[in-house]
Amino acid sequence: MAVPKRKSSKARKNKRRSNVWKIKAPAFCKCTHCGELKVPHQVCSNCGYYKDREVVKVEG
């Protein structure tokens, strides 16, 4: 079984882990009904439509 000969330093360990924790910006797409930007595969918060059907009644 492979065992490290020396303890890996905090800097080396953190360099290795750095790519895992990068935050990506969320993807956006235009709503087909109102044209507002929204998260894909979710109901539009502006008009309440999803896939050309009204799912949620939005007041205002």
N, C-alpha and C. Protein backbone atom coordinates (compact mmCIF):
# COMPACT_ATOMS: atom_id res chain seq x y z
N MET A 1 0.85 -1.18 0.00
CA MET A 1 0.00 0.00 0.00
C MET A 1 0.89 1.24 0.00
N ALA A 2 0.51 2.24 -0.81
CA ALA A 2 1.31 3.46 -0.91
C ALA A 2 1.04 4.36 0.29
N VAL A 3 2.11 4.72 0.97
CA VAL A 3 2.03 5.60 2.13
C VAL A 3 3.02 6.74 1.93
N PRO A 4 2.62 8.00 2.18
CA PRO A 4 3.56 9.11 1.99
C PRO A 4 4.73 9.02 2.96
N LYS A 5 5.92 9.34 2.45
CA LYS A 5 7.12 9.28 3.28
C LYS A 5 7.17 10.44 4.25
N ARG A 6 6.71 11.63 3.79
CA ARG A 6 6.70 12.82 4.65
C ARG A 6 5.30 13.44 4.65
N LYS A 7 5.04 14.19 5.72
CA LYS A 7 3.76 14.90 5.84
C LYS A 7 3.68 15.98 4.75
N SER A 8 2.55 16.03 4.02
CA SER A 8 2.40 17.08 3.00
C SER A 8 2.01 18.38 3.70
N SER A 9 2.66 19.47 3.29
CA SER A 9 2.45 20.75 3.94
C SER A 9 1.04 21.30 3.68
N LYS A 10 0.63 22.27 4.49
CA LYS A 10 -0.68 22.90 4.31
C LYS A 10 -0.77 23.59 2.96
N ALA A 11 0.32 24.24 2.54
CA ALA A 11 0.33 24.95 1.26
C ALA A 11 0.12 23.98 0.10
N ARG A 12 0.82 22.86 0.12
CA ARG A 12 0.70 21.87 -0.95
C ARG A 12 -0.72 21.28 -0.97
N LYS A 13 -1.22 20.99 0.22
CA LYS A 13 -2.56 20.42 0.35
C LYS A 13 -3.61 21.41 -0.18
N ASN A 14 -3.47 22.69 0.19
CA ASN A 14 -4.43 23.70 -0.24
C ASN A 14 -4.36 23.98 -1.74
N LYS A 15 -3.15 23.91 -2.32
CA LYS A 15 -3.01 24.07 -3.77
C LYS A 15 -3.77 22.99 -4.51
N ARG A 16 -3.68 21.79 -3.99
CA ARG A 16 -4.35 20.65 -4.62
C ARG A 16 -5.87 20.80 -4.55
N ARG A 17 -6.37 21.33 -3.46
CA ARG A 17 -7.82 21.44 -3.25
C ARG A 17 -8.44 22.70 -3.83
N SER A 18 -7.63 23.64 -4.30
CA SER A 18 -8.14 24.96 -4.67
C SER A 18 -9.17 24.93 -5.79
N ASN A 19 -9.04 24.04 -6.79
CA ASN A 19 -9.97 24.00 -7.92
C ASN A 19 -11.35 23.52 -7.55
N VAL A 20 -11.45 22.74 -6.50
CA VAL A 20 -12.72 22.15 -6.12
C VAL A 20 -13.71 23.20 -5.63
N TRP A 21 -13.22 24.25 -5.02
CA TRP A 21 -14.09 25.20 -4.34
C TRP A 21 -14.39 26.45 -5.14
N LYS A 22 -14.03 26.50 -6.44
CA LYS A 22 -14.32 27.68 -7.24
C LYS A 22 -15.82 27.80 -7.47
N ILE A 23 -16.34 28.99 -7.29
CA ILE A 23 -17.77 29.22 -7.48
C ILE A 23 -17.99 29.73 -8.90
N LYS A 24 -18.95 29.13 -9.59
CA LYS A 24 -19.28 29.53 -10.95
C LYS A 24 -20.54 30.38 -10.92
N ALA A 25 -20.62 31.32 -11.85
CA ALA A 25 -21.82 32.15 -11.97
C ALA A 25 -22.97 31.29 -12.49
N PRO A 26 -24.17 31.48 -11.97
CA PRO A 26 -25.30 30.67 -12.43
C PRO A 26 -25.66 30.99 -13.88
N ALA A 27 -26.14 30.00 -14.59
CA ALA A 27 -26.55 30.18 -15.99
C ALA A 27 -27.92 30.86 -16.02
N PHE A 28 -28.12 31.73 -16.98
CA PHE A 28 -29.41 32.39 -17.15
C PHE A 28 -29.90 32.20 -18.56
N CYS A 29 -31.22 32.19 -18.73
CA CYS A 29 -31.82 32.16 -20.05
C CYS A 29 -33.01 33.11 -20.05
N LYS A 30 -33.46 33.50 -21.24
CA LYS A 30 -34.60 34.42 -21.34
C LYS A 30 -35.90 33.65 -21.19
N CYS A 31 -36.83 34.23 -20.49
CA CYS A 31 -38.17 33.66 -20.37
C CYS A 31 -38.86 33.79 -21.72
N THR A 32 -39.50 32.72 -22.18
CA THR A 32 -40.16 32.74 -23.49
C THR A 32 -41.41 33.61 -23.49
N HIS A 33 -41.97 33.85 -22.33
CA HIS A 33 -43.21 34.63 -22.24
C HIS A 33 -42.95 36.12 -22.09
N CYS A 34 -42.08 36.52 -21.13
CA CYS A 34 -41.89 37.95 -20.86
C CYS A 34 -40.50 38.47 -21.24
N GLY A 35 -39.55 37.58 -21.53
CA GLY A 35 -38.22 38.01 -21.93
C GLY A 35 -37.28 38.35 -20.78
N GLU A 36 -37.73 38.17 -19.55
CA GLU A 36 -36.92 38.44 -18.36
C GLU A 36 -35.89 37.31 -18.19
N LEU A 37 -34.69 37.63 -17.65
CA LEU A 37 -33.70 36.60 -17.39
C LEU A 37 -34.13 35.75 -16.20
N LYS A 38 -33.97 34.43 -16.35
CA LYS A 38 -34.35 33.50 -15.28
C LYS A 38 -33.40 32.31 -15.28
N VAL A 39 -33.42 31.53 -14.22
CA VAL A 39 -32.63 30.32 -14.12
C VAL A 39 -33.32 29.24 -14.97
N PRO A 40 -32.57 28.48 -15.79
CA PRO A 40 -33.21 27.47 -16.62
C PRO A 40 -33.91 26.38 -15.81
N HIS A 41 -34.97 25.82 -16.36
CA HIS A 41 -35.76 24.74 -15.76
C HIS A 41 -36.44 25.16 -14.46
N GLN A 42 -36.74 26.45 -14.32
CA GLN A 42 -37.48 26.92 -13.16
C GLN A 42 -38.53 27.92 -13.59
N VAL A 43 -39.55 28.09 -12.78
CA VAL A 43 -40.62 29.02 -13.07
C VAL A 43 -40.07 30.44 -13.05
N CYS A 44 -40.52 31.26 -14.00
CA CYS A 44 -40.10 32.66 -14.07
C CYS A 44 -40.70 33.41 -12.89
N SER A 45 -39.86 34.12 -12.15
CA SER A 45 -40.34 34.84 -10.98
C SER A 45 -41.09 36.11 -11.37
N ASN A 46 -40.90 36.57 -12.61
CA ASN A 46 -41.53 37.80 -13.07
C ASN A 46 -42.98 37.56 -13.51
N CYS A 47 -43.21 36.51 -14.31
CA CYS A 47 -44.55 36.29 -14.86
C CYS A 47 -45.21 35.00 -14.38
N GLY A 48 -44.46 34.07 -13.80
CA GLY A 48 -45.03 32.83 -13.29
C GLY A 48 -45.22 31.75 -14.33
N TYR A 49 -44.62 31.90 -15.52
CA TYR A 49 -44.78 30.92 -16.59
C TYR A 49 -43.60 29.94 -16.60
N TYR A 50 -43.89 28.71 -17.03
CA TYR A 50 -42.87 27.69 -17.26
C TYR A 50 -43.29 26.89 -18.47
N LYS A 51 -42.43 26.84 -19.48
CA LYS A 51 -42.70 26.12 -20.74
C LYS A 51 -44.04 26.55 -21.34
N ASP A 52 -44.22 27.86 -21.51
CA ASP A 52 -45.41 28.45 -22.13
C ASP A 52 -46.73 28.12 -21.43
N ARG A 53 -46.67 27.78 -20.15
CA ARG A 53 -47.88 27.54 -19.35
C ARG A 53 -47.78 28.33 -18.07
N GLU A 54 -48.88 28.94 -17.64
CA GLU A 54 -48.88 29.66 -16.37
C GLU A 54 -48.96 28.66 -15.24
N VAL A 55 -47.93 28.65 -14.40
CA VAL A 55 -47.84 27.70 -13.30
C VAL A 55 -48.19 28.37 -11.98
N VAL A 56 -47.71 29.61 -11.81
CA VAL A 56 -47.91 30.37 -10.59
C VAL A 56 -48.58 31.69 -10.92
N LYS A 57 -49.59 32.04 -10.16
CA LYS A 57 -50.25 33.32 -10.33
C LYS A 57 -49.40 34.38 -9.65
N VAL A 58 -48.92 35.37 -10.43
CA VAL A 58 -48.06 36.43 -9.89
C VAL A 58 -48.89 37.71 -9.81
N GLU A 59 -48.96 38.27 -8.63
CA GLU A 59 -49.69 39.53 -8.41
C GLU A 59 -48.73 40.70 -8.60
N GLY A 60 -49.18 41.74 -9.24
CA GLY A 60 -48.37 42.94 -9.33
C GLY A 60 -47.85 43.24 -10.63
